[in-house]
Amino acid sequence: MSEHVYKTIELTGSSKTSCDDAIRTAIEHASKTVRNIRWFHVIETRGHVDEGKVAYWQVTLKVGFTLE
């Protein structure tokens, strides 16, 4: 196993569907400009309530990618 050095960034994704979709949205969007994303860690999950129902989810992630 080779040794890796990781850089981390923080992202916040949102979705009207689910917290899982918010995570996927954040990672898929970031992967368009950030190469070598390897892992994520959910830091915070929150949402917005409108008229007694969940209107959308927000998930903040710490994302790690390997340096070239």
PDB file of N, CA and C in Angstrom:
ATOM      1  N   MET A   1       0.844  -1.185   0.000  1.00  0.00           N
ATOM      2  CA  MET A   1       0.000   0.000   0.000  1.00  0.00           C
ATOM      3  C   MET A   1       0.885   1.242   0.000  1.00  0.00           C
ATOM      4  N   SER A   2       0.629   2.133  -0.918  1.00  0.00           N
ATOM      5  CA  SER A   2       1.422   3.354  -0.981  1.00  0.00           C
ATOM      6  C   SER A   2       0.897   4.372   0.027  1.00  0.00           C
ATOM      7  N   GLU A   3       1.756   5.270   0.393  1.00  0.00           N
ATOM      8  CA  GLU A   3       1.372   6.315   1.328  1.00  0.00           C
ATOM      9  C   GLU A   3       0.734   7.464   0.558  1.00  0.00           C
ATOM     10  N   HIS A   4      -0.284   8.074   1.133  1.00  0.00           N
ATOM     11  CA  HIS A   4      -0.984   9.172   0.486  1.00  0.00           C
ATOM     12  C   HIS A   4      -0.963  10.406   1.364  1.00  0.00           C
ATOM     13  N   VAL A   5      -1.012  11.545   0.727  1.00  0.00           N
ATOM     14  CA  VAL A   5      -1.211  12.818   1.415  1.00  0.00           C
ATOM     15  C   VAL A   5      -2.533  13.360   0.899  1.00  0.00           C
ATOM     16  N   TYR A   6      -3.382  13.758   1.812  1.00  0.00           N
ATOM     17  CA  TYR A   6      -4.699  14.252   1.440  1.00  0.00           C
ATOM     18  C   TYR A   6      -4.847  15.736   1.746  1.00  0.00           C
ATOM     19  N   LYS A   7      -5.556  16.417   0.892  1.00  0.00           N
ATOM     20  CA  LYS A   7      -5.989  17.794   1.130  1.00  0.00           C
ATOM     21  C   LYS A   7      -7.479  17.692   1.423  1.00  0.00           C
ATOM     22  N   THR A   8      -7.977  18.484   2.361  1.00  0.00           N
ATOM     23  CA  THR A   8      -9.407  18.451   2.667  1.00  0.00           C
ATOM     24  C   THR A   8     -10.044  19.803   2.365  1.00  0.00           C
ATOM     25  N   ILE A   9     -11.286  19.733   1.939  1.00  0.00           N
ATOM     26  CA  ILE A   9     -12.099  20.925   1.727  1.00  0.00           C
ATOM     27  C   ILE A   9     -13.458  20.667   2.364  1.00  0.00           C
ATOM     28  N   GLU A  10     -14.184  21.726   2.605  1.00  0.00           N
ATOM     29  CA  GLU A  10     -15.517  21.610   3.173  1.00  0.00           C
ATOM     30  C   GLU A  10     -16.539  22.016   2.117  1.00  0.00           C
ATOM     31  N   LEU A  11     -17.577  21.203   1.977  1.00  0.00           N
ATOM     32  CA  LEU A  11     -18.643  21.452   1.015  1.00  0.00           C
ATOM     33  C   LEU A  11     -19.988  21.392   1.717  1.00  0.00           C
ATOM     34  N   THR A  12     -20.963  22.099   1.190  1.00  0.00           N
ATOM     35  CA  THR A  12     -22.339  21.975   1.655  1.00  0.00           C
ATOM     36  C   THR A  12     -23.223  21.733   0.444  1.00  0.00           C
ATOM     37  N   GLY A  13     -23.913  20.590   0.453  1.00  0.00           N
ATOM     38  CA  GLY A  13     -24.846  20.257  -0.618  1.00  0.00           C
ATOM     39  C   GLY A  13     -26.265  20.385  -0.118  1.00  0.00           C
ATOM     40  N   SER A  14     -27.180  20.636  -1.026  1.00  0.00           N
ATOM     41  CA  SER A  14     -28.589  20.729  -0.630  1.00  0.00           C
ATOM     42  C   SER A  14     -29.454  19.940  -1.601  1.00  0.00           C
ATOM     43  N   SER A  15     -30.627  19.535  -1.108  1.00  0.00           N
ATOM     44  CA  SER A  15     -31.549  18.751  -1.917  1.00  0.00           C
ATOM     45  C   SER A  15     -32.955  18.875  -1.342  1.00  0.00           C
ATOM     46  N   LYS A  16     -33.927  18.872  -2.210  1.00  0.00           N
ATOM     47  CA  LYS A  16     -35.329  18.834  -1.777  1.00  0.00           C
ATOM     48  C   LYS A  16     -35.771  17.405  -1.497  1.00  0.00           C
ATOM     49  N   THR A  17     -34.959  16.428  -1.907  1.00  0.00           N
ATOM     50  CA  THR A  17     -35.331  15.018  -1.812  1.00  0.00           C
ATOM     51  C   THR A  17     -34.899  14.350  -0.510  1.00  0.00           C
ATOM     52  N   SER A  18     -33.562  14.398  -0.206  1.00  0.00           N
ATOM     53  CA  SER A  18     -33.045  13.669   0.957  1.00  0.00           C
ATOM     54  C   SER A  18     -31.645  14.148   1.315  1.00  0.00           C
ATOM     55  N   CYS A  19     -31.197  13.754   2.499  1.00  0.00           N
ATOM     56  CA  CYS A  19     -29.828  14.098   2.889  1.00  0.00           C
ATOM     57  C   CYS A  19     -28.833  13.313   2.037  1.00  0.00           C
ATOM     58  N   ASP A  20     -29.161  12.086   1.660  1.00  0.00           N
ATOM     59  CA  ASP A  20     -28.305  11.296   0.779  1.00  0.00           C
ATOM     60  C   ASP A  20     -28.120  12.002  -0.568  1.00  0.00           C
ATOM     61  N   ASP A  21     -29.190  12.539  -1.104  1.00  0.00           N
ATOM     62  CA  ASP A  21     -29.108  13.254  -2.373  1.00  0.00           C
ATOM     63  C   ASP A  21     -28.277  14.532  -2.234  1.00  0.00           C
ATOM     64  N   ALA A  22     -28.357  15.195  -1.085  1.00  0.00           N
ATOM     65  CA  ALA A  22     -27.551  16.390  -0.842  1.00  0.00           C
ATOM     66  C   ALA A  22     -26.060  16.052  -0.836  1.00  0.00           C
ATOM     67  N   ILE A  23     -25.705  14.908  -0.252  1.00  0.00           N
ATOM     68  CA  ILE A  23     -24.315  14.449  -0.244  1.00  0.00           C
ATOM     69  C   ILE A  23     -23.845  14.176  -1.666  1.00  0.00           C
ATOM     70  N   ARG A  24     -24.642  13.430  -2.412  1.00  0.00           N
ATOM     71  CA  ARG A  24     -24.287  13.086  -3.792  1.00  0.00           C
ATOM     72  C   ARG A  24     -24.151  14.337  -4.661  1.00  0.00           C
ATOM     73  N   THR A  25     -25.051  15.290  -4.477  1.00  0.00           N
ATOM     74  CA  THR A  25     -25.002  16.535  -5.241  1.00  0.00           C
ATOM     75  C   THR A  25     -23.696  17.278  -4.988  1.00  0.00           C
ATOM     76  N   ALA A  26     -23.301  17.395  -3.727  1.00  0.00           N
ATOM     77  CA  ALA A  26     -22.073  18.112  -3.371  1.00  0.00           C
ATOM     78  C   ALA A  26     -20.852  17.433  -3.972  1.00  0.00           C
ATOM     79  N   ILE A  27     -20.763  16.109  -3.837  1.00  0.00           N
ATOM     80  CA  ILE A  27     -19.595  15.386  -4.330  1.00  0.00           C
ATOM     81  C   ILE A  27     -19.538  15.393  -5.857  1.00  0.00           C
ATOM     82  N   GLU A  28     -20.667  15.156  -6.496  1.00  0.00           N
ATOM     83  CA  GLU A  28     -20.677  15.130  -7.958  1.00  0.00           C
ATOM     84  C   GLU A  28     -20.341  16.496  -8.550  1.00  0.00           C
ATOM     85  N   HIS A  29     -20.835  17.546  -7.933  1.00  0.00           N
ATOM     86  CA  HIS A  29     -20.527  18.894  -8.422  1.00  0.00           C
ATOM     87  C   HIS A  29     -19.045  19.219  -8.212  1.00  0.00           C
ATOM     88  N   ALA A  30     -18.526  18.906  -7.025  1.00  0.00           N
ATOM     89  CA  ALA A  30     -17.112  19.183  -6.731  1.00  0.00           C
ATOM     90  C   ALA A  30     -16.182  18.384  -7.633  1.00  0.00           C
ATOM     91  N   SER A  31     -16.581  17.161  -7.977  1.00  0.00           N
ATOM     92  CA  SER A  31     -15.695  16.312  -8.779  1.00  0.00           C
ATOM     93  C   SER A  31     -15.514  16.830 -10.205  1.00  0.00           C
ATOM     94  N   LYS A  32     -16.302  17.812 -10.605  1.00  0.00           N
ATOM     95  CA  LYS A  32     -16.116  18.426 -11.925  1.00  0.00           C
ATOM     96  C   LYS A  32     -14.850  19.280 -11.975  1.00  0.00           C
ATOM     97  N   THR A  33     -14.420  19.799 -10.813  1.00  0.00           N
ATOM     98  CA  THR A  33     -13.232  20.651 -10.784  1.00  0.00           C
ATOM     99  C   THR A  33     -12.148  20.159  -9.827  1.00  0.00           C
ATOM    100  N   VAL A  34     -12.473  19.241  -8.932  1.00  0.00           N
ATOM    101  CA  VAL A  34     -11.494  18.705  -7.980  1.00  0.00           C
ATOM    102  C   VAL A  34     -11.206  17.258  -8.373  1.00  0.00           C
ATOM    103  N   ARG A  35      -9.947  16.962  -8.656  1.00  0.00           N
ATOM    104  CA  ARG A  35      -9.565  15.604  -9.046  1.00  0.00           C
ATOM    105  C   ARG A  35      -9.222  14.761  -7.821  1.00  0.00           C
ATOM    106  N   ASN A  36      -9.345  13.463  -7.971  1.00  0.00           N
ATOM    107  CA  ASN A  36      -8.878  12.470  -6.995  1.00  0.00           C
ATOM    108  C   ASN A  36      -9.606  12.511  -5.650  1.00  0.00           C
ATOM    109  N   ILE A  37     -10.897  12.832  -5.648  1.00  0.00           N
ATOM    110  CA  ILE A  37     -11.665  12.772  -4.392  1.00  0.00           C
ATOM    111  C   ILE A  37     -11.719  11.315  -3.951  1.00  0.00           C
ATOM    112  N   ARG A  38     -11.371  11.063  -2.686  1.00  0.00           N
ATOM    113  CA  ARG A  38     -11.275   9.693  -2.174  1.00  0.00           C
ATOM    114  C   ARG A  38     -12.250   9.380  -1.041  1.00  0.00           C
ATOM    115  N   TRP A  39     -12.598  10.362  -0.223  1.00  0.00           N
ATOM    116  CA  TRP A  39     -13.469  10.079   0.915  1.00  0.00           C
ATOM    117  C   TRP A  39     -14.237  11.317   1.329  1.00  0.00           C
ATOM    118  N   PHE A  40     -15.273  11.108   2.151  1.00  0.00           N
ATOM    119  CA  PHE A  40     -16.008  12.229   2.739  1.00  0.00           C
ATOM    120  C   PHE A  40     -16.423  11.872   4.159  1.00  0.00           C
ATOM    121  N   HIS A  41     -16.648  12.904   4.931  1.00  0.00           N
ATOM    122  CA  HIS A  41     -17.094  12.769   6.320  1.00  0.00           C
ATOM    123  C   HIS A  41     -18.209  13.784   6.539  1.00  0.00           C
ATOM    124  N   VAL A  42     -19.381  13.318   6.967  1.00  0.00           N
ATOM    125  CA  VAL A  42     -20.499  14.232   7.210  1.00  0.00           C
ATOM    126  C   VAL A  42     -20.247  14.965   8.521  1.00  0.00           C
ATOM    127  N   ILE A  43     -20.205  16.286   8.443  1.00  0.00           N
ATOM    128  CA  ILE A  43     -19.966  17.121   9.612  1.00  0.00           C
ATOM    129  C   ILE A  43     -21.285  17.561  10.243  1.00  0.00           C
ATOM    130  N   GLU A  44     -22.240  17.938   9.395  1.00  0.00           N
ATOM    131  CA  GLU A  44     -23.487  18.482   9.913  1.00  0.00           C
ATOM    132  C   GLU A  44     -24.626  18.194   8.933  1.00  0.00           C
ATOM    133  N   THR A  45     -25.782  17.869   9.482  1.00  0.00           N
ATOM    134  CA  THR A  45     -26.992  17.705   8.681  1.00  0.00           C
ATOM    135  C   THR A  45     -28.035  18.646   9.246  1.00  0.00           C
ATOM    136  N   ARG A  46     -28.655  19.400   8.363  1.00  0.00           N
ATOM    137  CA  ARG A  46     -29.697  20.317   8.799  1.00  0.00           C
ATOM    138  C   ARG A  46     -30.715  20.465   7.671  1.00  0.00           C
ATOM    139  N   GLY A  47     -31.798  21.125   7.954  1.00  0.00           N
ATOM    140  CA  GLY A  47     -32.815  21.290   6.927  1.00  0.00           C
ATOM    141  C   GLY A  47     -33.662  22.518   7.178  1.00  0.00           C
ATOM    142  N   HIS A  48     -34.541  22.745   6.236  1.00  0.00           N
ATOM    143  CA  HIS A  48     -35.447  23.889   6.316  1.00  0.00           C
ATOM    144  C   HIS A  48     -36.876  23.354   6.355  1.00  0.00           C
ATOM    145  N   VAL A  49     -37.667  23.876   7.263  1.00  0.00           N
ATOM    146  CA  VAL A  49     -39.053  23.460   7.405  1.00  0.00           C
ATOM    147  C   VAL A  49     -39.949  24.587   6.909  1.00  0.00           C
ATOM    148  N   ASP A  50     -40.914  24.223   6.070  1.00  0.00           N
ATOM    149  CA  ASP A  50     -41.865  25.185   5.531  1.00  0.00           C
ATOM    150  C   ASP A  50     -43.272  24.612   5.696  1.00  0.00           C
ATOM    151  N   GLU A  51     -44.090  25.317   6.419  1.00  0.00           N
ATOM    152  CA  GLU A  51     -45.472  24.905   6.688  1.00  0.00           C
ATOM    153  C   GLU A  51     -45.555  23.497   7.269  1.00  0.00           C
ATOM    154  N   GLY A  52     -44.668  23.204   8.203  1.00  0.00           N
ATOM    155  CA  GLY A  52     -44.690  21.934   8.913  1.00  0.00           C
ATOM    156  C   GLY A  52     -44.100  20.754   8.168  1.00  0.00           C
ATOM    157  N   LYS A  53     -43.496  20.987   7.004  1.00  0.00           N
ATOM    158  CA  LYS A  53     -42.893  19.903   6.228  1.00  0.00           C
ATOM    159  C   LYS A  53     -41.450  20.249   5.884  1.00  0.00           C
ATOM    160  N   VAL A  54     -40.642  19.209   5.712  1.00  0.00           N
ATOM    161  CA  VAL A  54     -39.248  19.419   5.325  1.00  0.00           C
ATOM    162  C   VAL A  54     -39.229  19.940   3.896  1.00  0.00           C
ATOM    163  N   ALA A  55     -38.700  21.146   3.715  1.00  0.00           N
ATOM    164  CA  ALA A  55     -38.642  21.763   2.392  1.00  0.00           C
ATOM    165  C   ALA A  55     -37.359  21.373   1.660  1.00  0.00           C
ATOM    166  N   TYR A  56     -36.239  21.298   2.393  1.00  0.00           N
ATOM    167  CA  TYR A  56     -34.994  20.832   1.796  1.00  0.00           C
ATOM    168  C   TYR A  56     -33.994  20.460   2.878  1.00  0.00           C
ATOM    169  N   TRP A  57     -33.019  19.666   2.482  1.00  0.00           N
ATOM    170  CA  TRP A  57     -31.933  19.206   3.337  1.00  0.00           C
ATOM    171  C   TRP A  57     -30.653  19.924   2.962  1.00  0.00           C
ATOM    172  N   GLN A  58     -29.808  20.178   3.961  1.00  0.00           N
ATOM    173  CA  GLN A  58     -28.451  20.681   3.732  1.00  0.00           C
ATOM    174  C   GLN A  58     -27.491  19.793   4.509  1.00  0.00           C
ATOM    175  N   VAL A  59     -26.435  19.356   3.845  1.00  0.00           N
ATOM    176  CA  VAL A  59     -25.442  18.502   4.481  1.00  0.00           C
ATOM    177  C   VAL A  59     -24.060  19.107   4.242  1.00  0.00           C
ATOM    178  N   THR A  60     -23.324  19.320   5.323  1.00  0.00           N
ATOM    179  CA  THR A  60     -21.953  19.827   5.224  1.00  0.00           C
ATOM    180  C   THR A  60     -21.003  18.650   5.357  1.00  0.00           C
ATOM    181  N   LEU A  61     -20.059  18.580   4.424  1.00  0.00           N
ATOM    182  CA  LEU A  61     -19.110  17.480   4.353  1.00  0.00           C
ATOM    183  C   LEU A  61     -17.688  17.976   4.413  1.00  0.00           C
ATOM    184  N   LYS A  62     -16.819  17.155   4.956  1.00  0.00           N
ATOM    185  CA  LYS A  62     -15.379  17.346   4.783  1.00  0.00           C
ATOM    186  C   LYS A  62     -14.995  16.306   3.735  1.00  0.00           C
ATOM    187  N   VAL A  63     -14.346  16.745   2.668  1.00  0.00           N
ATOM    188  CA  VAL A  63     -14.002  15.877   1.549  1.00  0.00           C
ATOM    189  C   VAL A  63     -12.482  15.821   1.419  1.00  0.00           C
ATOM    190  N   GLY A  64     -11.947  14.622   1.265  1.00  0.00           N
ATOM    191  CA  GLY A  64     -10.509  14.451   1.111  1.00  0.00           C
ATOM    192  C   GLY A  64     -10.148  14.013  -0.286  1.00  0.00           C
ATOM    193  N   PHE A  65      -9.085  14.591  -0.825  1.00  0.00           N
ATOM    194  CA  PHE A  65      -8.598  14.175  -2.130  1.00  0.00           C
ATOM    195  C   PHE A  65      -7.082  14.080  -2.079  1.00  0.00           C
ATOM    196  N   THR A  66      -6.528  13.193  -2.919  1.00  0.00           N
ATOM    197  CA  THR A  66      -5.087  13.000  -2.927  1.00  0.00           C
ATOM    198  C   THR A  66      -4.424  14.065  -3.773  1.00  0.00           C
ATOM    199  N   LEU A  67      -3.252  14.468  -3.327  1.00  0.00           N
ATOM    200  CA  LEU A  67      -2.471  15.455  -4.072  1.00  0.00           C
ATOM    201  C   LEU A  67      -1.671  14.748  -5.151  1.00  0.00           C
ATOM    202  N   GLU A  68      -1.491  15.424  -6.258  1.00  0.00           N
ATOM    203  CA  GLU A  68      -0.715  14.848  -7.363  1.00  0.00           C
ATOM    204  C   GLU A  68       0.757  15.084  -7.167  1.00  0.00           C
TER     205      GLU A  68
END
